[in-house]
Amino acid sequence: MNPAFQPLIDEVAKLKSVSESAVKLIGGINERINKAVADALAGGATAQELADAVTKITAEAEAAIAPLADAVAANTPAAPTV
């Protein structure tokens, strides 16, 4: 391959690593929230405390994920028409 492409190849490799980490985090978030709720309940937390915490965490996660989803959508080429 032409050496002019090496910087792009290196950047794609970095992005792949970041993407894999994001997928792992996003894929496990519900399980982690459920465990935190169970642990909090076992520790005596109230339903209102849990509702407030889950609402805040969910909003923050959605806000963090939105730019990633937007970037993927904006940079995914359209399917070729045949």
C-alpha atoms as a PDB file:
ATOM      1  CA  MET A   1       0.000   0.000   0.000  1.00  0.00           C
ATOM      2  CA  ASN A   2       1.146   3.512  -0.704  1.00  0.00           C
ATOM      3  CA  PRO A   3       2.838   5.084   2.348  1.00  0.00           C
ATOM      4  CA  ALA A   4       0.642   8.179   1.983  1.00  0.00           C
ATOM      5  CA  PHE A   5      -2.211   6.097   3.419  1.00  0.00           C
ATOM      6  CA  GLN A   6      -0.341   5.069   6.587  1.00  0.00           C
ATOM      7  CA  PRO A   7      -1.537   8.012   8.734  1.00  0.00           C
ATOM      8  CA  LEU A   8      -5.130   7.200   7.782  1.00  0.00           C
ATOM      9  CA  ILE A   9      -4.596   3.489   8.507  1.00  0.00           C
ATOM     10  CA  ASP A  10      -3.158   4.362  11.922  1.00  0.00           C
ATOM     11  CA  GLU A  11      -6.096   6.661  12.706  1.00  0.00           C
ATOM     12  CA  VAL A  12      -8.633   4.001  11.711  1.00  0.00           C
ATOM     13  CA  ALA A  13      -6.878   1.515  14.009  1.00  0.00           C
ATOM     14  CA  LYS A  14      -7.211   3.976  16.907  1.00  0.00           C
ATOM     15  CA  LEU A  15     -10.865   4.584  16.078  1.00  0.00           C
ATOM     16  CA  LYS A  16     -11.516   0.840  16.005  1.00  0.00           C
ATOM     17  CA  SER A  17     -10.146   0.518  19.530  1.00  0.00           C
ATOM     18  CA  VAL A  18     -12.267   3.430  20.761  1.00  0.00           C
ATOM     19  CA  SER A  19     -15.318   2.018  19.003  1.00  0.00           C
ATOM     20  CA  GLU A  20     -14.852  -1.408  20.579  1.00  0.00           C
ATOM     21  CA  SER A  21     -14.570   0.204  24.012  1.00  0.00           C
ATOM     22  CA  ALA A  22     -17.730   2.235  23.421  1.00  0.00           C
ATOM     23  CA  VAL A  23     -19.650  -0.852  22.312  1.00  0.00           C
ATOM     24  CA  LYS A  24     -18.555  -2.720  25.440  1.00  0.00           C
ATOM     25  CA  LEU A  25     -19.583   0.166  27.699  1.00  0.00           C
ATOM     26  CA  ILE A  26     -22.910   0.790  25.988  1.00  0.00           C
ATOM     27  CA  GLY A  27     -23.713  -2.908  25.770  1.00  0.00           C
ATOM     28  CA  GLY A  28     -23.254  -3.420  29.495  1.00  0.00           C
ATOM     29  CA  ILE A  29     -24.868  -0.264  30.835  1.00  0.00           C
ATOM     30  CA  ASN A  30     -28.308  -1.764  31.564  1.00  0.00           C
ATOM     31  CA  GLU A  31     -26.795  -4.653  33.489  1.00  0.00           C
ATOM     32  CA  ARG A  32     -24.639  -2.264  35.485  1.00  0.00           C
ATOM     33  CA  ILE A  33     -27.614  -0.006  36.273  1.00  0.00           C
ATOM     34  CA  ASN A  34     -29.691  -2.998  37.382  1.00  0.00           C
ATOM     35  CA  LYS A  35     -26.884  -4.179  39.666  1.00  0.00           C
ATOM     36  CA  ALA A  36     -26.469  -0.707  41.140  1.00  0.00           C
ATOM     37  CA  VAL A  37     -30.233  -0.519  41.804  1.00  0.00           C
ATOM     38  CA  ALA A  38     -30.216  -3.924  43.496  1.00  0.00           C
ATOM     39  CA  ASP A  39     -27.186  -2.990  45.601  1.00  0.00           C
ATOM     40  CA  ALA A  40     -28.757   0.358  46.553  1.00  0.00           C
ATOM     41  CA  LEU A  41     -32.035  -1.304  47.537  1.00  0.00           C
ATOM     42  CA  ALA A  42     -30.131  -3.809  49.633  1.00  0.00           C
ATOM     43  CA  GLY A  43     -28.409  -0.862  51.291  1.00  0.00           C
ATOM     44  CA  GLY A  44     -31.697   0.822  52.178  1.00  0.00           C
ATOM     45  CA  ALA A  45     -32.123   3.325  49.337  1.00  0.00           C
ATOM     46  CA  THR A  46     -35.616   4.655  48.706  1.00  0.00           C
ATOM     47  CA  ALA A  47     -37.526   4.314  45.461  1.00  0.00           C
ATOM     48  CA  GLN A  48     -37.296   8.098  44.921  1.00  0.00           C
ATOM     49  CA  GLU A  49     -33.519   8.101  45.390  1.00  0.00           C
ATOM     50  CA  LEU A  50     -33.229   5.328  42.833  1.00  0.00           C
ATOM     51  CA  ALA A  51     -35.576   7.013  40.371  1.00  0.00           C
ATOM     52  CA  ASP A  52     -33.592  10.248  40.564  1.00  0.00           C
ATOM     53  CA  ALA A  53     -30.265   8.455  40.127  1.00  0.00           C
ATOM     54  CA  VAL A  54     -31.432   6.284  37.227  1.00  0.00           C
ATOM     55  CA  THR A  55     -32.990   9.293  35.474  1.00  0.00           C
ATOM     56  CA  LYS A  56     -29.746  11.273  35.819  1.00  0.00           C
ATOM     57  CA  ILE A  57     -27.518   8.403  34.680  1.00  0.00           C
ATOM     58  CA  THR A  58     -29.780   7.584  31.733  1.00  0.00           C
ATOM     59  CA  ALA A  59     -29.857  11.219  30.577  1.00  0.00           C
ATOM     60  CA  GLU A  60     -26.067  11.513  30.851  1.00  0.00           C
ATOM     61  CA  ALA A  61     -25.536   8.241  28.968  1.00  0.00           C
ATOM     62  CA  GLU A  62     -27.911   9.279  26.192  1.00  0.00           C
ATOM     63  CA  ALA A  63     -26.183  12.652  25.901  1.00  0.00           C
ATOM     64  CA  ALA A  64     -22.785  10.949  25.692  1.00  0.00           C
ATOM     65  CA  ILE A  65     -23.954   8.405  23.103  1.00  0.00           C
ATOM     66  CA  ALA A  66     -25.779  10.868  20.837  1.00  0.00           C
ATOM     67  CA  PRO A  67     -22.638  12.470  19.294  1.00  0.00           C
ATOM     68  CA  LEU A  68     -21.213   9.026  18.554  1.00  0.00           C
ATOM     69  CA  ALA A  69     -24.429   7.900  16.878  1.00  0.00           C
ATOM     70  CA  ASP A  70     -24.621  11.165  14.926  1.00  0.00           C
ATOM     71  CA  ALA A  71     -21.012  10.813  13.740  1.00  0.00           C
ATOM     72  CA  VAL A  72     -21.598   7.246  12.590  1.00  0.00           C
ATOM     73  CA  ALA A  73     -24.764   8.224  10.744  1.00  0.00           C
ATOM     74  CA  ALA A  74     -23.114  11.242   9.115  1.00  0.00           C
ATOM     75  CA  ASN A  75     -20.121   9.234   7.944  1.00  0.00           C
ATOM     76  CA  THR A  76     -21.813   6.061   6.762  1.00  0.00           C
ATOM     77  CA  PRO A  77     -21.929   6.018   2.988  1.00  0.00           C
ATOM     78  CA  ALA A  78     -25.285   5.480   1.370  1.00  0.00           C
ATOM     79  CA  ALA A  79     -25.909   2.077  -0.108  1.00  0.00           C
ATOM     80  CA  PRO A  80     -25.214   2.030  -3.835  1.00  0.00           C
ATOM     81  CA  THR A  81     -28.259   1.969  -6.061  1.00  0.00           C
ATOM     82  CA  VAL A  82     -28.379  -0.743  -8.659  1.00  0.00           C
END
